[in-house]
Amino acid sequence: MNRSLWKRYGYGWVTLGFFLVSLVGHWLFGWFAYVDEQQQFGAPVEVSGYTVQMLRDTLENWQSEFLQLLWQIGGLAFLLYVGSPQSKEGDDRLEAKIDAILAAVDPKSADALLDEIDREYAGRHTDPRWMRMARGGRQRG
């Protein structure tokens, strides 16, 4: 696969673009508000004062929204990737139920069909209950 870096990570690039546009917009409109506020109070417009104020506002926004969202999405994706018990529980249970239904509906060819499916999907049968039952010759329990 020789897809370009732009195509492979297109969603990431679009997300980065939205992030940069929103960050630049935040700082640009923050500048206008800062200048207006300084003029109302007769205070000098200083880049250092503006920078401190905008850094504070930006970090406050990130703390309340970006970090929360990053944890919700990034943490969930990480936990699914490492295979936490919470992420595997539903899949194993669902697979066991489907295997049991297949065994009940067509007991004569269920083993052959499950073996074929397991071979096709690199033998990723992860349900220990079903494997014990299959080794013991029992299809339902």
C-alpha atoms as a PDB file:
ATOM      1  CA  MET A   1       0.000   0.000   0.000  1.00  0.00           C
ATOM      2  CA  ASN A   2       1.655   3.167  -1.201  1.00  0.00           C
ATOM      3  CA  ARG A   3      -1.021   5.568  -0.113  1.00  0.00           C
ATOM      4  CA  SER A   4       0.232   9.017   0.661  1.00  0.00           C
ATOM      5  CA  LEU A   5       0.684  10.287   4.168  1.00  0.00           C
ATOM      6  CA  TRP A   6      -2.160  12.733   3.506  1.00  0.00           C
ATOM      7  CA  LYS A   7      -4.619   9.967   2.608  1.00  0.00           C
ATOM      8  CA  ARG A   8      -3.550   7.545   5.319  1.00  0.00           C
ATOM      9  CA  TYR A   9      -3.993  10.103   8.068  1.00  0.00           C
ATOM     10  CA  GLY A  10      -6.680  12.265   6.444  1.00  0.00           C
ATOM     11  CA  TYR A  11      -8.907  12.355   9.512  1.00  0.00           C
ATOM     12  CA  GLY A  12      -5.959  13.430  11.658  1.00  0.00           C
ATOM     13  CA  TRP A  13      -5.006  16.194   9.206  1.00  0.00           C
ATOM     14  CA  VAL A  14      -8.569  17.537   9.105  1.00  0.00           C
ATOM     15  CA  THR A  15      -8.733  17.422  12.901  1.00  0.00           C
ATOM     16  CA  LEU A  16      -5.385  19.230  13.147  1.00  0.00           C
ATOM     17  CA  GLY A  17      -6.663  21.843  10.674  1.00  0.00           C
ATOM     18  CA  PHE A  18      -9.794  22.452  12.751  1.00  0.00           C
ATOM     19  CA  PHE A  19      -7.668  22.666  15.875  1.00  0.00           C
ATOM     20  CA  LEU A  20      -5.259  25.205  14.358  1.00  0.00           C
ATOM     21  CA  VAL A  21      -8.059  27.342  12.885  1.00  0.00           C
ATOM     22  CA  SER A  22      -9.851  27.402  16.227  1.00  0.00           C
ATOM     23  CA  LEU A  23      -6.637  28.178  18.131  1.00  0.00           C
ATOM     24  CA  VAL A  24      -5.672  31.016  15.775  1.00  0.00           C
ATOM     25  CA  GLY A  25      -9.242  32.355  15.914  1.00  0.00           C
ATOM     26  CA  HIS A  26      -9.213  32.188  19.709  1.00  0.00           C
ATOM     27  CA  TRP A  27      -5.979  34.168  19.909  1.00  0.00           C
ATOM     28  CA  LEU A  28      -6.963  36.646  17.164  1.00  0.00           C
ATOM     29  CA  PHE A  29     -10.343  37.522  18.646  1.00  0.00           C
ATOM     30  CA  GLY A  30      -8.754  37.461  22.093  1.00  0.00           C
ATOM     31  CA  TRP A  31      -6.381  40.187  20.848  1.00  0.00           C
ATOM     32  CA  PHE A  32      -9.292  42.357  19.716  1.00  0.00           C
ATOM     33  CA  ALA A  33     -11.035  41.909  23.076  1.00  0.00           C
ATOM     34  CA  TYR A  34      -7.798  42.612  24.975  1.00  0.00           C
ATOM     35  CA  VAL A  35      -7.086  45.807  23.019  1.00  0.00           C
ATOM     36  CA  ASP A  36     -10.686  46.993  23.525  1.00  0.00           C
ATOM     37  CA  GLU A  37     -10.538  46.274  27.253  1.00  0.00           C
ATOM     38  CA  GLN A  38      -7.193  48.030  27.681  1.00  0.00           C
ATOM     39  CA  GLN A  39      -8.471  51.091  25.812  1.00  0.00           C
ATOM     40  CA  GLN A  40     -11.627  51.252  27.948  1.00  0.00           C
ATOM     41  CA  PHE A  41      -9.516  51.462  31.095  1.00  0.00           C
ATOM     42  CA  GLY A  42      -6.853  53.716  29.566  1.00  0.00           C
ATOM     43  CA  ALA A  43      -4.176  51.063  30.098  1.00  0.00           C
ATOM     44  CA  PRO A  44      -1.354  50.434  27.631  1.00  0.00           C
ATOM     45  CA  VAL A  45      -1.678  47.577  25.170  1.00  0.00           C
ATOM     46  CA  GLU A  46       1.222  45.220  25.885  1.00  0.00           C
ATOM     47  CA  VAL A  47       1.969  41.981  24.086  1.00  0.00           C
ATOM     48  CA  SER A  48       3.330  40.415  27.292  1.00  0.00           C
ATOM     49  CA  GLY A  49       0.096  41.124  29.173  1.00  0.00           C
ATOM     50  CA  TYR A  50      -1.951  39.762  26.292  1.00  0.00           C
ATOM     51  CA  THR A  51       0.213  36.626  26.053  1.00  0.00           C
ATOM     52  CA  VAL A  52      -0.175  35.830  29.750  1.00  0.00           C
ATOM     53  CA  GLN A  53      -3.932  36.374  29.607  1.00  0.00           C
ATOM     54  CA  MET A  54      -4.368  34.243  26.469  1.00  0.00           C
ATOM     55  CA  LEU A  55      -2.144  31.441  27.741  1.00  0.00           C
ATOM     56  CA  ARG A  56      -4.233  31.349  30.898  1.00  0.00           C
ATOM     57  CA  ASP A  57      -7.490  31.279  28.919  1.00  0.00           C
ATOM     58  CA  THR A  58      -6.172  28.657  26.481  1.00  0.00           C
ATOM     59  CA  LEU A  59      -4.934  26.330  29.214  1.00  0.00           C
ATOM     60  CA  GLU A  60      -8.196  26.789  31.096  1.00  0.00           C
ATOM     61  CA  ASN A  61     -10.136  25.722  28.000  1.00  0.00           C
ATOM     62  CA  TRP A  62      -7.825  22.768  27.401  1.00  0.00           C
ATOM     63  CA  GLN A  63      -8.129  21.649  30.996  1.00  0.00           C
ATOM     64  CA  SER A  64     -11.891  21.694  30.978  1.00  0.00           C
ATOM     65  CA  GLU A  65     -12.564  20.372  27.480  1.00  0.00           C
ATOM     66  CA  PHE A  66      -9.612  19.007  25.547  1.00  0.00           C
ATOM     67  CA  LEU A  67      -8.146  16.963  28.376  1.00  0.00           C
ATOM     68  CA  GLN A  68     -11.546  15.540  29.252  1.00  0.00           C
ATOM     69  CA  LEU A  69     -12.229  14.628  25.637  1.00  0.00           C
ATOM     70  CA  LEU A  70      -8.722  13.234  25.137  1.00  0.00           C
ATOM     71  CA  TRP A  71      -9.156  10.962  28.128  1.00  0.00           C
ATOM     72  CA  GLN A  72     -12.612   9.831  27.075  1.00  0.00           C
ATOM     73  CA  ILE A  73     -11.545   8.968  23.543  1.00  0.00           C
ATOM     74  CA  GLY A  74      -7.842   8.249  23.934  1.00  0.00           C
ATOM     75  CA  GLY A  75      -8.252   6.352  27.191  1.00  0.00           C
ATOM     76  CA  LEU A  76     -11.082   4.267  25.807  1.00  0.00           C
ATOM     77  CA  ALA A  77      -9.142   3.472  22.642  1.00  0.00           C
ATOM     78  CA  PHE A  78      -6.087   2.528  24.700  1.00  0.00           C
ATOM     79  CA  LEU A  79      -8.069   0.291  27.035  1.00  0.00           C
ATOM     80  CA  LEU A  80      -9.747  -1.412  24.086  1.00  0.00           C
ATOM     81  CA  TYR A  81      -6.340  -1.889  22.460  1.00  0.00           C
ATOM     82  CA  VAL A  82      -4.717  -3.468  25.520  1.00  0.00           C
ATOM     83  CA  GLY A  83      -7.791  -5.626  26.038  1.00  0.00           C
ATOM     84  CA  SER A  84      -9.087  -4.558  29.412  1.00  0.00           C
ATOM     85  CA  PRO A  85     -11.694  -6.898  30.911  1.00  0.00           C
ATOM     86  CA  GLN A  86     -14.371  -4.289  30.253  1.00  0.00           C
ATOM     87  CA  SER A  87     -13.590  -4.214  26.546  1.00  0.00           C
ATOM     88  CA  LYS A  88     -13.496  -7.993  26.062  1.00  0.00           C
ATOM     89  CA  GLU A  89     -16.497  -8.958  28.140  1.00  0.00           C
ATOM     90  CA  GLY A  90     -19.177  -8.228  25.561  1.00  0.00           C
ATOM     91  CA  ASP A  91     -17.370  -9.780  22.583  1.00  0.00           C
ATOM     92  CA  ASP A  92     -16.585 -13.079  24.288  1.00  0.00           C
ATOM     93  CA  ARG A  93     -20.112 -13.422  25.617  1.00  0.00           C
ATOM     94  CA  LEU A  94     -21.641 -12.606  22.242  1.00  0.00           C
ATOM     95  CA  GLU A  95     -19.374 -15.068  20.446  1.00  0.00           C
ATOM     96  CA  ALA A  96     -20.234 -17.823  22.940  1.00  0.00           C
ATOM     97  CA  LYS A  97     -23.944 -17.199  22.435  1.00  0.00           C
ATOM     98  CA  ILE A  98     -23.644 -17.303  18.652  1.00  0.00           C
ATOM     99  CA  ASP A  99     -21.584 -20.512  18.826  1.00  0.00           C
ATOM    100  CA  ALA A 100     -24.177 -22.108  21.118  1.00  0.00           C
ATOM    101  CA  ILE A 101     -27.011 -21.081  18.778  1.00  0.00           C
ATOM    102  CA  LEU A 102     -25.177 -22.545  15.791  1.00  0.00           C
ATOM    103  CA  ALA A 103     -24.593 -25.783  17.720  1.00  0.00           C
ATOM    104  CA  ALA A 104     -28.290 -25.947  18.643  1.00  0.00           C
ATOM    105  CA  VAL A 105     -29.533 -25.205  15.121  1.00  0.00           C
ATOM    106  CA  ASP A 106     -27.166 -27.481  13.212  1.00  0.00           C
ATOM    107  CA  PRO A 107     -25.334 -29.792  15.635  1.00  0.00           C
ATOM    108  CA  LYS A 108     -23.955 -32.073  12.889  1.00  0.00           C
ATOM    109  CA  SER A 109     -22.050 -29.398  10.971  1.00  0.00           C
ATOM    110  CA  ALA A 110     -21.483 -26.789  13.713  1.00  0.00           C
ATOM    111  CA  ASP A 111     -17.980 -28.000  14.592  1.00  0.00           C
ATOM    112  CA  ALA A 112     -16.856 -28.059  10.968  1.00  0.00           C
ATOM    113  CA  LEU A 113     -18.268 -24.592  10.310  1.00  0.00           C
ATOM    114  CA  LEU A 114     -16.718 -23.138  13.476  1.00  0.00           C
ATOM    115  CA  ASP A 115     -13.355 -24.712  12.587  1.00  0.00           C
ATOM    116  CA  GLU A 116     -13.570 -23.188   9.108  1.00  0.00           C
ATOM    117  CA  ILE A 117     -14.413 -19.762  10.545  1.00  0.00           C
ATOM    118  CA  ASP A 118     -11.590 -20.037  13.088  1.00  0.00           C
ATOM    119  CA  ARG A 119      -9.084 -20.959  10.360  1.00  0.00           C
ATOM    120  CA  GLU A 120     -10.240 -18.090   8.187  1.00  0.00           C
ATOM    121  CA  TYR A 121      -9.854 -15.640  11.057  1.00  0.00           C
ATOM    122  CA  ALA A 122      -6.466 -17.026  12.151  1.00  0.00           C
ATOM    123  CA  GLY A 123      -7.916 -19.135  14.961  1.00  0.00           C
ATOM    124  CA  ARG A 124      -8.774 -16.202  17.200  1.00  0.00           C
ATOM    125  CA  HIS A 125     -11.302 -18.096  19.284  1.00  0.00           C
ATOM    126  CA  THR A 126     -10.972 -16.361  22.641  1.00  0.00           C
ATOM    127  CA  ASP A 127     -13.823 -17.852  24.650  1.00  0.00           C
ATOM    128  CA  PRO A 128     -12.358 -20.423  27.071  1.00  0.00           C
ATOM    129  CA  ARG A 129     -15.815 -21.801  27.957  1.00  0.00           C
ATOM    130  CA  TRP A 130     -16.569 -22.726  24.366  1.00  0.00           C
ATOM    131  CA  MET A 131     -13.127 -24.228  23.859  1.00  0.00           C
ATOM    132  CA  ARG A 132     -13.569 -26.445  26.954  1.00  0.00           C
ATOM    133  CA  MET A 133     -16.976 -27.538  25.722  1.00  0.00           C
ATOM    134  CA  ALA A 134     -15.676 -28.233  22.211  1.00  0.00           C
ATOM    135  CA  ARG A 135     -12.800 -30.346  23.542  1.00  0.00           C
ATOM    136  CA  GLY A 136     -15.155 -32.249  25.815  1.00  0.00           C
ATOM    137  CA  GLY A 137     -17.545 -32.994  22.964  1.00  0.00           C
ATOM    138  CA  ARG A 138     -20.403 -31.043  24.528  1.00  0.00           C
ATOM    139  CA  GLN A 139     -21.989 -28.378  22.351  1.00  0.00           C
ATOM    140  CA  ARG A 140     -24.379 -26.914  24.927  1.00  0.00           C
ATOM    141  CA  GLY A 141     -24.116 -26.585  28.617  1.00  0.00           C
END
